[in-house]
């Protein structure tokens, strides 16, 4: 039986990836910081604790060798070198990067998002050939580029598929953008305000669809870079309507033509220009087809979020989201703006 090692297996993308590989006939070792196990996994999945920074521990998990290594948590050149040092013991690898590596060709990128005039003007859709930021240690994006460059430089020794997801969604997310609509509905807020006319598009990447890309790449080893997104990029207004349908509520939406007014009208998807990625290469090279649409994936996300929030402060549940969007639920400002 083919043997796979999945690093970061207990995370949002790791959970469905382990399940997808098992269904495809792989014997899986699921490695994570806590050594956790998903209830949906087959009993044959082996779980191990792994400190990602411990090179000896990583080598021990790989052991005498594995046919596939999947890394969900690698984020810089040092992590890449950990993997390439094991090239002789790994058949092929799939490593998760990020669409944040892209530059618009004019020096605007995810690192300049909040600077005056710094929001990138990407082509629609963005192909994998789009320029990236320079590799380095300065930011998450530059570290991811360093990771990619190191991995791709040894393609002859270790076939590596680099996946670039966008706005990852699904259960177990540390940054669940859907919370914006779910919590409002749970709080009984039947009015919402959306900036940019509700037309903002920030391409989502379902965890189950990323897992499908891992499965397909594992079956066709090669050295490549692929965008890893859903089959569609709905507008923020469309996402809100889809969440409402799952939760069986009716809401009214007020649109602002331009940017948010203070905290009013801003959402985790609110962008002045579309951020949409081309999936043609994955479709051509791997015969990729999304296993689930955005709307089809929402019920499990809504159910998970509702359970996590029960009786708890959202900031306590999702500190990463709270740091990035501290005024996400500024109801007083919304009421003052609308005159309620």
C-alpha atoms as a PDB file:
ATOM      1  CA  UNK A   1       0.000   0.000   0.000  1.00  0.00           C
ATOM      2  CA  UNK A   2       1.208   3.533  -0.793  1.00  0.00           C
ATOM      3  CA  UNK A   3       2.280   5.441   2.315  1.00  0.00           C
ATOM      4  CA  UNK A   4       1.549   9.131   2.875  1.00  0.00           C
ATOM      5  CA  UNK A   5       2.611  11.488   5.660  1.00  0.00           C
ATOM      6  CA  UNK A   6       0.393  14.548   6.206  1.00  0.00           C
ATOM      7  CA  UNK A   7       1.873  17.386   8.293  1.00  0.00           C
ATOM      8  CA  UNK A   8      -0.741  19.636   9.868  1.00  0.00           C
ATOM      9  CA  UNK A   9      -3.295  16.854   9.634  1.00  0.00           C
ATOM     10  CA  UNK A  10      -5.575  18.092  12.413  1.00  0.00           C
ATOM     11  CA  UNK A  11      -6.079  21.501  10.809  1.00  0.00           C
ATOM     12  CA  UNK A  12      -8.789  22.834   8.547  1.00  0.00           C
ATOM     13  CA  UNK A  13      -7.297  21.500   5.292  1.00  0.00           C
ATOM     14  CA  UNK A  14      -5.537  18.514   6.827  1.00  0.00           C
ATOM     15  CA  UNK A  15      -8.694  16.808   8.073  1.00  0.00           C
ATOM     16  CA  UNK A  16     -10.417  16.398   4.680  1.00  0.00           C
ATOM     17  CA  UNK A  17      -7.056  15.709   3.020  1.00  0.00           C
ATOM     18  CA  UNK A  18      -6.373  12.686   5.228  1.00  0.00           C
ATOM     19  CA  UNK A  19      -9.876  11.399   4.510  1.00  0.00           C
ATOM     20  CA  UNK A  20      -9.488  11.905   0.746  1.00  0.00           C
ATOM     21  CA  UNK A  21      -6.165  10.077   0.626  1.00  0.00           C
ATOM     22  CA  UNK A  22      -7.518   7.153   2.631  1.00  0.00           C
ATOM     23  CA  UNK A  23     -10.461   6.846   0.243  1.00  0.00           C
ATOM     24  CA  UNK A  24      -7.937   6.757  -2.589  1.00  0.00           C
ATOM     25  CA  UNK A  25      -6.091   3.814  -1.093  1.00  0.00           C
ATOM     26  CA  UNK A  26      -3.280   5.523   0.812  1.00  0.00           C
ATOM     27  CA  UNK A  27      -1.966   4.392   4.176  1.00  0.00           C
ATOM     28  CA  UNK A  28      -1.793   7.696   6.055  1.00  0.00           C
ATOM     29  CA  UNK A  29       0.286   8.919   8.973  1.00  0.00           C
ATOM     30  CA  UNK A  30      -1.429  12.047  10.303  1.00  0.00           C
ATOM     31  CA  UNK A  31       1.101  14.316  12.020  1.00  0.00           C
ATOM     32  CA  UNK A  32       0.217  17.438  14.000  1.00  0.00           C
ATOM     33  CA  UNK A  33       1.338  19.470  16.985  1.00  0.00           C
ATOM     34  CA  UNK A  34      -1.215  17.838  19.254  1.00  0.00           C
ATOM     35  CA  UNK A  35      -1.476  14.491  17.526  1.00  0.00           C
ATOM     36  CA  UNK A  36      -5.229  14.914  17.242  1.00  0.00           C
ATOM     37  CA  UNK A  37      -7.627  12.652  15.408  1.00  0.00           C
ATOM     38  CA  UNK A  38     -10.708  13.551  13.367  1.00  0.00           C
ATOM     39  CA  UNK A  39     -13.777  11.493  14.178  1.00  0.00           C
ATOM     40  CA  UNK A  40     -14.411  10.964  10.462  1.00  0.00           C
ATOM     41  CA  UNK A  41     -11.049   9.315   9.785  1.00  0.00           C
ATOM     42  CA  UNK A  42     -10.712   5.623   9.097  1.00  0.00           C
ATOM     43  CA  UNK A  43      -9.456   3.585  12.049  1.00  0.00           C
ATOM     44  CA  UNK A  44      -6.337   2.699  10.060  1.00  0.00           C
ATOM     45  CA  UNK A  45      -5.042   6.299  10.112  1.00  0.00           C
ATOM     46  CA  UNK A  46      -1.951   6.522  12.343  1.00  0.00           C
ATOM     47  CA  UNK A  47      -1.668   9.730  14.361  1.00  0.00           C
ATOM     48  CA  UNK A  48       1.578  11.158  15.732  1.00  0.00           C
ATOM     49  CA  UNK A  49       2.638  14.320  17.538  1.00  0.00           C
ATOM     50  CA  UNK A  50       5.094  16.442  15.579  1.00  0.00           C
ATOM     51  CA  UNK A  51       6.919  19.655  16.396  1.00  0.00           C
ATOM     52  CA  UNK A  52       7.337  21.094  12.870  1.00  0.00           C
ATOM     53  CA  UNK A  53      10.526  22.886  13.890  1.00  0.00           C
ATOM     54  CA  UNK A  54      12.243  19.677  15.057  1.00  0.00           C
ATOM     55  CA  UNK A  55      14.138  18.324  12.045  1.00  0.00           C
ATOM     56  CA  UNK A  56      14.978  15.033  13.769  1.00  0.00           C
ATOM     57  CA  UNK A  57      11.333  14.493  14.677  1.00  0.00           C
ATOM     58  CA  UNK A  58      10.256  15.177  11.094  1.00  0.00           C
ATOM     59  CA  UNK A  59      12.825  12.735   9.767  1.00  0.00           C
ATOM     60  CA  UNK A  60      11.609  10.135  12.252  1.00  0.00           C
ATOM     61  CA  UNK A  61       8.005  10.501  11.061  1.00  0.00           C
ATOM     62  CA  UNK A  62       9.123   9.999   7.452  1.00  0.00           C
ATOM     63  CA  UNK A  63      11.135   7.007   8.639  1.00  0.00           C
ATOM     64  CA  UNK A  64      12.688   4.801   5.977  1.00  0.00           C
ATOM     65  CA  UNK A  65      10.591   6.587   3.393  1.00  0.00           C
ATOM     66  CA  UNK A  66       7.132   7.509   2.181  1.00  0.00           C
ATOM     67  CA  UNK A  67       5.574   7.738  -1.250  1.00  0.00           C
ATOM     68  CA  UNK A  68       3.959  11.098  -0.501  1.00  0.00           C
ATOM     69  CA  UNK A  69       4.513  13.937   1.940  1.00  0.00           C
ATOM     70  CA  UNK A  70       1.825  16.599   2.276  1.00  0.00           C
ATOM     71  CA  UNK A  71       2.742  19.742   4.217  1.00  0.00           C
ATOM     72  CA  UNK A  72      -0.018  22.120   5.269  1.00  0.00           C
ATOM     73  CA  UNK A  73       2.054  24.310   7.580  1.00  0.00           C
ATOM     74  CA  UNK A  74       5.385  25.003   5.830  1.00  0.00           C
ATOM     75  CA  UNK A  75       5.827  28.739   5.360  1.00  0.00           C
ATOM     76  CA  UNK A  76       9.449  29.688   4.687  1.00  0.00           C
ATOM     77  CA  UNK A  77      12.763  28.690   3.163  1.00  0.00           C
ATOM     78  CA  UNK A  78      13.903  26.859   6.299  1.00  0.00           C
ATOM     79  CA  UNK A  79      10.863  24.615   6.178  1.00  0.00           C
ATOM     80  CA  UNK A  80      11.505  23.979   2.499  1.00  0.00           C
ATOM     81  CA  UNK A  81      15.070  22.918   3.245  1.00  0.00           C
ATOM     82  CA  UNK A  82      13.788  20.511   5.887  1.00  0.00           C
ATOM     83  CA  UNK A  83      11.757  18.806   3.195  1.00  0.00           C
ATOM     84  CA  UNK A  84      14.382  18.855   0.466  1.00  0.00           C
ATOM     85  CA  UNK A  85      16.929  17.308   2.853  1.00  0.00           C
ATOM     86  CA  UNK A  86      14.669  14.255   2.882  1.00  0.00           C
ATOM     87  CA  UNK A  87      14.315  14.117  -0.919  1.00  0.00           C
ATOM     88  CA  UNK A  88      15.850  10.668  -1.154  1.00  0.00           C
ATOM     89  CA  UNK A  89      13.212   9.275   1.200  1.00  0.00           C
ATOM     90  CA  UNK A  90      10.125  10.969  -0.276  1.00  0.00           C
ATOM     91  CA  UNK A  91       8.487   9.924  -3.533  1.00  0.00           C
ATOM     92  CA  UNK A  92       6.727  13.240  -4.116  1.00  0.00           C
ATOM     93  CA  UNK A  93       5.374  16.152  -2.112  1.00  0.00           C
ATOM     94  CA  UNK A  94       2.393  18.480  -2.072  1.00  0.00           C
ATOM     95  CA  UNK A  95       2.943  21.734  -0.178  1.00  0.00           C
ATOM     96  CA  UNK A  96       0.384  24.432   0.590  1.00  0.00           C
ATOM     97  CA  UNK A  97       1.432  28.012  -0.155  1.00  0.00           C
ATOM     98  CA  UNK A  98      -0.905  30.989  -0.675  1.00  0.00           C
ATOM     99  CA  UNK A  99      -2.244  33.371  -3.317  1.00  0.00           C
ATOM    100  CA  UNK A 100      -0.781  36.150  -1.174  1.00  0.00           C
ATOM    101  CA  UNK A 101       2.486  35.617  -3.092  1.00  0.00           C
ATOM    102  CA  UNK A 102       1.118  37.442  -6.164  1.00  0.00           C
ATOM    103  CA  UNK A 103       2.138  40.966  -7.144  1.00  0.00           C
ATOM    104  CA  UNK A 104       0.092  42.978  -9.648  1.00  0.00           C
ATOM    105  CA  UNK A 105       3.210  43.916 -11.629  1.00  0.00           C
ATOM    106  CA  UNK A 106       3.205  47.462 -10.277  1.00  0.00           C
ATOM    107  CA  UNK A 107       4.475  46.765  -6.790  1.00  0.00           C
ATOM    108  CA  UNK A 108       1.038  46.273  -5.238  1.00  0.00           C
ATOM    109  CA  UNK A 109       0.225  43.044  -3.452  1.00  0.00           C
ATOM    110  CA  UNK A 110      -1.196  41.598  -0.240  1.00  0.00           C
ATOM    111  CA  UNK A 111       1.502  43.391   1.754  1.00  0.00           C
ATOM    112  CA  UNK A 112       0.353  46.801   0.461  1.00  0.00           C
ATOM    113  CA  UNK A 113      -3.399  46.213   0.819  1.00  0.00           C
ATOM    114  CA  UNK A 114      -3.930  48.814   3.506  1.00  0.00           C
ATOM    115  CA  UNK A 115      -1.589  51.479   2.162  1.00  0.00           C
ATOM    116  CA  UNK A 116      -3.098  54.476   0.328  1.00  0.00           C
ATOM    117  CA  UNK A 117      -3.519  53.340  -3.268  1.00  0.00           C
ATOM    118  CA  UNK A 118      -1.923  50.033  -2.379  1.00  0.00           C
ATOM    119  CA  UNK A 119      -4.709  47.632  -3.274  1.00  0.00           C
ATOM    120  CA  UNK A 120      -3.477  45.458  -6.164  1.00  0.00           C
ATOM    121  CA  UNK A 121      -5.060  45.568  -9.615  1.00  0.00           C
ATOM    122  CA  UNK A 122      -4.805  41.912 -10.559  1.00  0.00           C
ATOM    123  CA  UNK A 123      -5.933  40.518 -13.907  1.00  0.00           C
ATOM    124  CA  UNK A 124      -9.212  38.607 -13.762  1.00  0.00           C
ATOM    125  CA  UNK A 125      -8.579  35.784 -13.323  1.00  0.00           C
ATOM    126  CA  UNK A 126      -5.009  35.627 -11.969  1.00  0.00           C
ATOM    127  CA  UNK A 127      -2.925  32.882 -13.657  1.00  0.00           C
ATOM    128  CA  UNK A 128      -0.024  31.078 -12.004  1.00  0.00           C
ATOM    129  CA  UNK A 129       2.333  32.984 -14.322  1.00  0.00           C
ATOM    130  CA  UNK A 130       1.484  36.279 -12.591  1.00  0.00           C
ATOM    131  CA  UNK A 131       4.585  37.871 -10.958  1.00  0.00           C
ATOM    132  CA  UNK A 132       5.156  37.289  -7.255  1.00  0.00           C
ATOM    133  CA  UNK A 133       6.716  39.398  -4.552  1.00  0.00           C
ATOM    134  CA  UNK A 134      10.418  38.885  -3.895  1.00  0.00           C
ATOM    135  CA  UNK A 135      11.391  36.069  -1.531  1.00  0.00           C
ATOM    136  CA  UNK A 136      12.518  37.083   1.934  1.00  0.00           C
ATOM    137  CA  UNK A 137      11.767  37.143   5.648  1.00  0.00           C
ATOM    138  CA  UNK A 138       9.801  40.398   5.794  1.00  0.00           C
ATOM    139  CA  UNK A 139       6.245  39.055   5.682  1.00  0.00           C
ATOM    140  CA  UNK A 140       4.042  36.017   5.354  1.00  0.00           C
ATOM    141  CA  UNK A 141       3.909  36.547   1.589  1.00  0.00           C
ATOM    142  CA  UNK A 142       7.656  36.899   1.095  1.00  0.00           C
ATOM    143  CA  UNK A 143       8.262  33.834   3.263  1.00  0.00           C
ATOM    144  CA  UNK A 144       5.845  31.804   1.196  1.00  0.00           C
ATOM    145  CA  UNK A 145       7.706  32.839  -1.975  1.00  0.00           C
ATOM    146  CA  UNK A 146      10.972  31.730  -0.357  1.00  0.00           C
ATOM    147  CA  UNK A 147       9.336  28.406   0.449  1.00  0.00           C
ATOM    148  CA  UNK A 148       8.180  27.960  -3.128  1.00  0.00           C
ATOM    149  CA  UNK A 149      11.521  28.903  -4.701  1.00  0.00           C
ATOM    150  CA  UNK A 150      13.463  26.471  -2.508  1.00  0.00           C
ATOM    151  CA  UNK A 151      11.072  23.614  -3.244  1.00  0.00           C
ATOM    152  CA  UNK A 152      10.866  24.187  -6.978  1.00  0.00           C
ATOM    153  CA  UNK A 153      14.652  24.390  -7.299  1.00  0.00           C
ATOM    154  CA  UNK A 154      14.996  20.669  -6.558  1.00  0.00           C
ATOM    155  CA  UNK A 155      12.242  19.425  -8.844  1.00  0.00           C
ATOM    156  CA  UNK A 156      14.587  16.857 -10.370  1.00  0.00           C
ATOM    157  CA  UNK A 157      15.221  15.273  -6.985  1.00  0.00           C
ATOM    158  CA  UNK A 158      11.796  15.729  -5.412  1.00  0.00           C
ATOM    159  CA  UNK A 159       8.651  16.284  -7.495  1.00  0.00           C
ATOM    160  CA  UNK A 160       6.667  18.992  -5.677  1.00  0.00           C
ATOM    161  CA  UNK A 161       3.194  20.342  -6.344  1.00  0.00           C
ATOM    162  CA  UNK A 162       2.778  23.775  -4.756  1.00  0.00           C
ATOM    163  CA  UNK A 163      -0.849  24.723  -4.099  1.00  0.00           C
ATOM    164  CA  UNK A 164      -1.945  28.343  -3.738  1.00  0.00           C
ATOM    165  CA  UNK A 165      -5.348  28.607  -2.003  1.00  0.00           C
ATOM    166  CA  UNK A 166      -7.161  31.891  -1.448  1.00  0.00           C
ATOM    167  CA  UNK A 167      -9.877  32.540   1.169  1.00  0.00           C
ATOM    168  CA  UNK A 168     -10.012  29.069   2.727  1.00  0.00           C
ATOM    169  CA  UNK A 169     -13.400  28.102   4.135  1.00  0.00           C
ATOM    170  CA  UNK A 170     -14.924  25.168   5.952  1.00  0.00           C
ATOM    171  CA  UNK A 171     -15.071  23.827   9.526  1.00  0.00           C
ATOM    172  CA  UNK A 172     -12.091  24.271  11.882  1.00  0.00           C
ATOM    173  CA  UNK A 173     -11.041  27.533  10.278  1.00  0.00           C
ATOM    174  CA  UNK A 174      -9.022  29.930  12.479  1.00  0.00           C
ATOM    175  CA  UNK A 175     -10.299  32.765  10.272  1.00  0.00           C
ATOM    176  CA  UNK A 176     -13.911  31.948   9.339  1.00  0.00           C
ATOM    177  CA  UNK A 177     -15.093  34.816   7.153  1.00  0.00           C
ATOM    178  CA  UNK A 178     -18.617  33.362   7.157  1.00  0.00           C
ATOM    179  CA  UNK A 179     -18.884  34.391  10.801  1.00  0.00           C
ATOM    180  CA  UNK A 180     -19.736  37.886   9.566  1.00  0.00           C
ATOM    181  CA  UNK A 181     -23.133  36.698   8.359  1.00  0.00           C
ATOM    182  CA  UNK A 182     -23.681  33.753  10.714  1.00  0.00           C
ATOM    183  CA  UNK A 183     -23.242  35.724  13.927  1.00  0.00           C
ATOM    184  CA  UNK A 184     -25.458  38.546  12.685  1.00  0.00           C
ATOM    185  CA  UNK A 185     -28.230  36.084  11.979  1.00  0.00           C
ATOM    186  CA  UNK A 186     -27.762  34.401  15.363  1.00  0.00           C
ATOM    187  CA  UNK A 187     -27.888  37.829  17.028  1.00  0.00           C
ATOM    188  CA  UNK A 188     -31.189  38.611  15.319  1.00  0.00           C
ATOM    189  CA  UNK A 189     -29.736  41.392  13.174  1.00  0.00           C
ATOM    190  CA  UNK A 190     -31.951  41.480  10.109  1.00  0.00           C
ATOM    191  CA  UNK A 191     -30.269  44.469   8.486  1.00  0.00           C
ATOM    192  CA  UNK A 192     -26.776  44.619   7.034  1.00  0.00           C
ATOM    193  CA  UNK A 193     -24.669  47.151   5.161  1.00  0.00           C
ATOM    194  CA  UNK A 194     -22.293  46.151   2.367  1.00  0.00           C
ATOM    195  CA  UNK A 195     -19.710  48.408   0.783  1.00  0.00           C
ATOM    196  CA  UNK A 196     -18.710  48.483  -2.895  1.00  0.00           C
ATOM    197  CA  UNK A 197     -22.313  47.821  -3.860  1.00  0.00           C
ATOM    198  CA  UNK A 198     -22.112  44.295  -2.451  1.00  0.00           C
ATOM    199  CA  UNK A 199     -20.156  43.271  -5.521  1.00  0.00           C
ATOM    200  CA  UNK A 200     -16.776  42.493  -3.942  1.00  0.00           C
ATOM    201  CA  UNK A 201     -15.305  39.153  -5.022  1.00  0.00           C
ATOM    202  CA  UNK A 202     -12.535  37.414  -3.102  1.00  0.00           C
ATOM    203  CA  UNK A 203     -12.135  33.884  -4.439  1.00  0.00           C
ATOM    204  CA  UNK A 204     -12.948  31.203  -1.851  1.00  0.00           C
ATOM    205  CA  UNK A 205     -11.078  27.910  -1.480  1.00  0.00           C
ATOM    206  CA  UNK A 206     -13.062  25.112   0.134  1.00  0.00           C
ATOM    207  CA  UNK A 207     -10.995  22.825   2.352  1.00  0.00           C
ATOM    208  CA  UNK A 208     -12.569  19.804   0.685  1.00  0.00           C
ATOM    209  CA  UNK A 209     -11.674  21.129  -2.771  1.00  0.00           C
ATOM    210  CA  UNK A 210      -8.069  21.696  -1.700  1.00  0.00           C
ATOM    211  CA  UNK A 211      -8.041  18.121  -0.410  1.00  0.00           C
ATOM    212  CA  UNK A 212      -9.226  16.960  -3.828  1.00  0.00           C
ATOM    213  CA  UNK A 213      -6.319  18.796  -5.454  1.00  0.00           C
ATOM    214  CA  UNK A 214      -3.919  17.065  -3.048  1.00  0.00           C
ATOM    215  CA  UNK A 215      -5.430  13.699  -3.949  1.00  0.00           C
ATOM    216  CA  UNK A 216      -5.113  14.358  -7.663  1.00  0.00           C
ATOM    217  CA  UNK A 217      -1.546  15.670  -7.400  1.00  0.00           C
ATOM    218  CA  UNK A 218      -0.558  12.638  -5.327  1.00  0.00           C
ATOM    219  CA  UNK A 219      -1.760  10.375  -8.116  1.00  0.00           C
ATOM    220  CA  UNK A 220       0.158  12.383 -10.744  1.00  0.00           C
ATOM    221  CA  UNK A 221       3.469  13.455  -9.187  1.00  0.00           C
ATOM    222  CA  UNK A 222       5.187  16.383 -10.843  1.00  0.00           C
ATOM    223  CA  UNK A 223       6.798  19.745 -10.206  1.00  0.00           C
ATOM    224  CA  UNK A 224       4.198  22.458 -10.678  1.00  0.00           C
ATOM    225  CA  UNK A 225       2.469  25.456  -9.128  1.00  0.00           C
ATOM    226  CA  UNK A 226      -1.326  25.485  -9.070  1.00  0.00           C
ATOM    227  CA  UNK A 227      -3.972  27.872  -7.863  1.00  0.00           C
ATOM    228  CA  UNK A 228      -6.225  26.004  -5.430  1.00  0.00           C
ATOM    229  CA  UNK A 229      -9.657  27.619  -5.432  1.00  0.00           C
ATOM    230  CA  UNK A 230     -13.325  26.804  -5.820  1.00  0.00           C
ATOM    231  CA  UNK A 231     -15.065  26.652  -9.167  1.00  0.00           C
ATOM    232  CA  UNK A 232     -16.760  30.001  -8.635  1.00  0.00           C
ATOM    233  CA  UNK A 233     -16.053  33.333  -6.956  1.00  0.00           C
ATOM    234  CA  UNK A 234     -19.380  34.640  -5.584  1.00  0.00           C
ATOM    235  CA  UNK A 235     -19.942  38.258  -4.624  1.00  0.00           C
ATOM    236  CA  UNK A 236     -20.139  39.178  -0.960  1.00  0.00           C
ATOM    237  CA  UNK A 237     -23.861  39.860  -1.424  1.00  0.00           C
ATOM    238  CA  UNK A 238     -24.241  36.389  -2.916  1.00  0.00           C
ATOM    239  CA  UNK A 239     -22.425  34.839   0.032  1.00  0.00           C
ATOM    240  CA  UNK A 240     -24.734  36.624   2.446  1.00  0.00           C
ATOM    241  CA  UNK A 241     -27.791  35.356   0.577  1.00  0.00           C
ATOM    242  CA  UNK A 242     -26.413  31.811   0.605  1.00  0.00           C
ATOM    243  CA  UNK A 243     -25.823  31.928   4.368  1.00  0.00           C
ATOM    244  CA  UNK A 244     -29.336  33.288   4.885  1.00  0.00           C
ATOM    245  CA  UNK A 245     -30.749  30.389   2.881  1.00  0.00           C
ATOM    246  CA  UNK A 246     -28.912  27.841   5.030  1.00  0.00           C
ATOM    247  CA  UNK A 247     -30.078  29.523   8.243  1.00  0.00           C
ATOM    248  CA  UNK A 248     -33.608  30.085   6.878  1.00  0.00           C
ATOM    249  CA  UNK A 249     -33.721  33.801   7.659  1.00  0.00           C
ATOM    250  CA  UNK A 250     -34.715  36.870   5.682  1.00  0.00           C
ATOM    251  CA  UNK A 251     -32.565  39.988   5.801  1.00  0.00           C
ATOM    252  CA  UNK A 252     -32.465  43.394   4.168  1.00  0.00           C
ATOM    253  CA  UNK A 253     -29.264  44.780   2.719  1.00  0.00           C
ATOM    254  CA  UNK A 254     -28.266  48.427   2.353  1.00  0.00           C
ATOM    255  CA  UNK A 255     -25.533  49.055  -0.192  1.00  0.00           C
ATOM    256  CA  UNK A 256     -22.772  51.644  -0.089  1.00  0.00           C
ATOM    257  CA  UNK A 257     -21.452  52.416  -3.561  1.00  0.00           C
ATOM    258  CA  UNK A 258     -17.897  53.016  -2.377  1.00  0.00           C
ATOM    259  CA  UNK A 259     -15.652  51.847   0.442  1.00  0.00           C
ATOM    260  CA  UNK A 260     -16.777  51.186   4.025  1.00  0.00           C
ATOM    261  CA  UNK A 261     -17.629  54.237   6.088  1.00  0.00           C
ATOM    262  CA  UNK A 262     -15.557  53.644   9.179  1.00  0.00           C
ATOM    263  CA  UNK A 263     -16.537  50.210  10.456  1.00  0.00           C
ATOM    264  CA  UNK A 264     -19.840  50.301   8.577  1.00  0.00           C
ATOM    265  CA  UNK A 265     -20.048  48.200   5.426  1.00  0.00           C
ATOM    266  CA  UNK A 266     -16.790  46.332   5.840  1.00  0.00           C
ATOM    267  CA  UNK A 267     -16.635  42.543   5.691  1.00  0.00           C
ATOM    268  CA  UNK A 268     -13.783  40.023   5.369  1.00  0.00           C
ATOM    269  CA  UNK A 269     -14.521  39.923   1.627  1.00  0.00           C
ATOM    270  CA  UNK A 270     -14.891  43.662   1.027  1.00  0.00           C
ATOM    271  CA  UNK A 271     -12.342  44.608  -1.618  1.00  0.00           C
ATOM    272  CA  UNK A 272     -12.395  47.478  -4.134  1.00  0.00           C
ATOM    273  CA  UNK A 273     -11.247  45.274  -7.020  1.00  0.00           C
ATOM    274  CA  UNK A 274     -11.943  41.588  -7.771  1.00  0.00           C
ATOM    275  CA  UNK A 275      -9.436  39.032  -6.491  1.00  0.00           C
ATOM    276  CA  UNK A 276     -10.183  35.977  -8.629  1.00  0.00           C
ATOM    277  CA  UNK A 277      -7.849  33.148  -9.632  1.00  0.00           C
ATOM    278  CA  UNK A 278      -7.554  31.049 -12.766  1.00  0.00           C
ATOM    279  CA  UNK A 279      -8.109  27.305 -12.239  1.00  0.00           C
ATOM    280  CA  UNK A 280      -7.500  26.287 -15.867  1.00  0.00           C
ATOM    281  CA  UNK A 281      -4.073  24.736 -15.240  1.00  0.00           C
ATOM    282  CA  UNK A 282      -5.340  22.465 -12.452  1.00  0.00           C
ATOM    283  CA  UNK A 283      -8.264  21.480 -14.640  1.00  0.00           C
ATOM    284  CA  UNK A 284      -5.956  20.681 -17.546  1.00  0.00           C
ATOM    285  CA  UNK A 285      -3.083  18.985 -15.722  1.00  0.00           C
ATOM    286  CA  UNK A 286      -4.997  17.124 -13.008  1.00  0.00           C
ATOM    287  CA  UNK A 287      -8.545  16.954 -14.404  1.00  0.00           C
ATOM    288  CA  UNK A 288      -9.568  18.928 -11.332  1.00  0.00           C
ATOM    289  CA  UNK A 289     -13.249  19.501 -10.751  1.00  0.00           C
ATOM    290  CA  UNK A 290     -14.489  20.920  -7.450  1.00  0.00           C
ATOM    291  CA  UNK A 291     -16.071  18.234  -5.290  1.00  0.00           C
ATOM    292  CA  UNK A 292     -18.346  20.793  -3.643  1.00  0.00           C
ATOM    293  CA  UNK A 293     -19.647  24.247  -4.561  1.00  0.00           C
ATOM    294  CA  UNK A 294     -19.460  27.164  -2.162  1.00  0.00           C
ATOM    295  CA  UNK A 295     -23.191  27.004  -1.441  1.00  0.00           C
ATOM    296  CA  UNK A 296     -23.093  23.220  -0.969  1.00  0.00           C
ATOM    297  CA  UNK A 297     -20.285  23.538   1.565  1.00  0.00           C
ATOM    298  CA  UNK A 298     -22.048  26.136   3.724  1.00  0.00           C
ATOM    299  CA  UNK A 299     -24.339  23.914   5.861  1.00  0.00           C
ATOM    300  CA  UNK A 300     -21.427  22.171   7.609  1.00  0.00           C
ATOM    301  CA  UNK A 301     -19.639  25.499   8.095  1.00  0.00           C
ATOM    302  CA  UNK A 302     -22.734  27.153   9.568  1.00  0.00           C
ATOM    303  CA  UNK A 303     -23.365  24.187  11.858  1.00  0.00           C
ATOM    304  CA  UNK A 304     -19.769  24.207  13.072  1.00  0.00           C
ATOM    305  CA  UNK A 305     -19.727  27.963  13.672  1.00  0.00           C
ATOM    306  CA  UNK A 306     -23.027  27.847  15.547  1.00  0.00           C
ATOM    307  CA  UNK A 307     -21.693  25.141  17.837  1.00  0.00           C
ATOM    308  CA  UNK A 308     -18.399  26.921  18.512  1.00  0.00           C
ATOM    309  CA  UNK A 309     -20.108  30.232  19.299  1.00  0.00           C
ATOM    310  CA  UNK A 310     -22.675  28.813  21.734  1.00  0.00           C
ATOM    311  CA  UNK A 311     -22.354  30.830  24.944  1.00  0.00           C
ATOM    312  CA  UNK A 312     -18.939  32.243  24.039  1.00  0.00           C
ATOM    313  CA  UNK A 313     -17.492  35.580  22.913  1.00  0.00           C
ATOM    314  CA  UNK A 314     -16.518  35.467  19.237  1.00  0.00           C
ATOM    315  CA  UNK A 315     -13.151  37.080  19.994  1.00  0.00           C
ATOM    316  CA  UNK A 316     -12.312  34.259  22.366  1.00  0.00           C
ATOM    317  CA  UNK A 317     -13.306  31.686  19.749  1.00  0.00           C
ATOM    318  CA  UNK A 318     -11.470  33.286  16.842  1.00  0.00           C
ATOM    319  CA  UNK A 319      -8.645  35.543  18.042  1.00  0.00           C
ATOM    320  CA  UNK A 320      -6.974  35.645  14.614  1.00  0.00           C
ATOM    321  CA  UNK A 321     -10.172  36.945  13.010  1.00  0.00           C
ATOM    322  CA  UNK A 322     -10.635  39.436  15.856  1.00  0.00           C
ATOM    323  CA  UNK A 323      -7.128  40.836  15.357  1.00  0.00           C
ATOM    324  CA  UNK A 324      -7.674  41.279  11.632  1.00  0.00           C
ATOM    325  CA  UNK A 325     -11.235  42.614  11.882  1.00  0.00           C
ATOM    326  CA  UNK A 326     -11.725  44.094  15.379  1.00  0.00           C
ATOM    327  CA  UNK A 327     -14.863  46.072  14.419  1.00  0.00           C
ATOM    328  CA  UNK A 328     -16.624  43.277  12.553  1.00  0.00           C
ATOM    329  CA  UNK A 329     -19.745  43.527  14.735  1.00  0.00           C
ATOM    330  CA  UNK A 330     -19.924  47.223  15.585  1.00  0.00           C
ATOM    331  CA  UNK A 331     -23.703  47.269  15.744  1.00  0.00           C
ATOM    332  CA  UNK A 332     -23.821  50.657  17.486  1.00  0.00           C
ATOM    333  CA  UNK A 333     -21.967  52.297  14.605  1.00  0.00           C
ATOM    334  CA  UNK A 334     -24.273  50.641  12.082  1.00  0.00           C
ATOM    335  CA  UNK A 335     -27.366  51.811  13.925  1.00  0.00           C
ATOM    336  CA  UNK A 336     -26.026  55.355  14.189  1.00  0.00           C
ATOM    337  CA  UNK A 337     -25.150  55.364  10.486  1.00  0.00           C
ATOM    338  CA  UNK A 338     -28.589  54.128   9.450  1.00  0.00           C
ATOM    339  CA  UNK A 339     -30.468  56.285  11.971  1.00  0.00           C
ATOM    340  CA  UNK A 340     -32.002  53.235  13.642  1.00  0.00           C
END
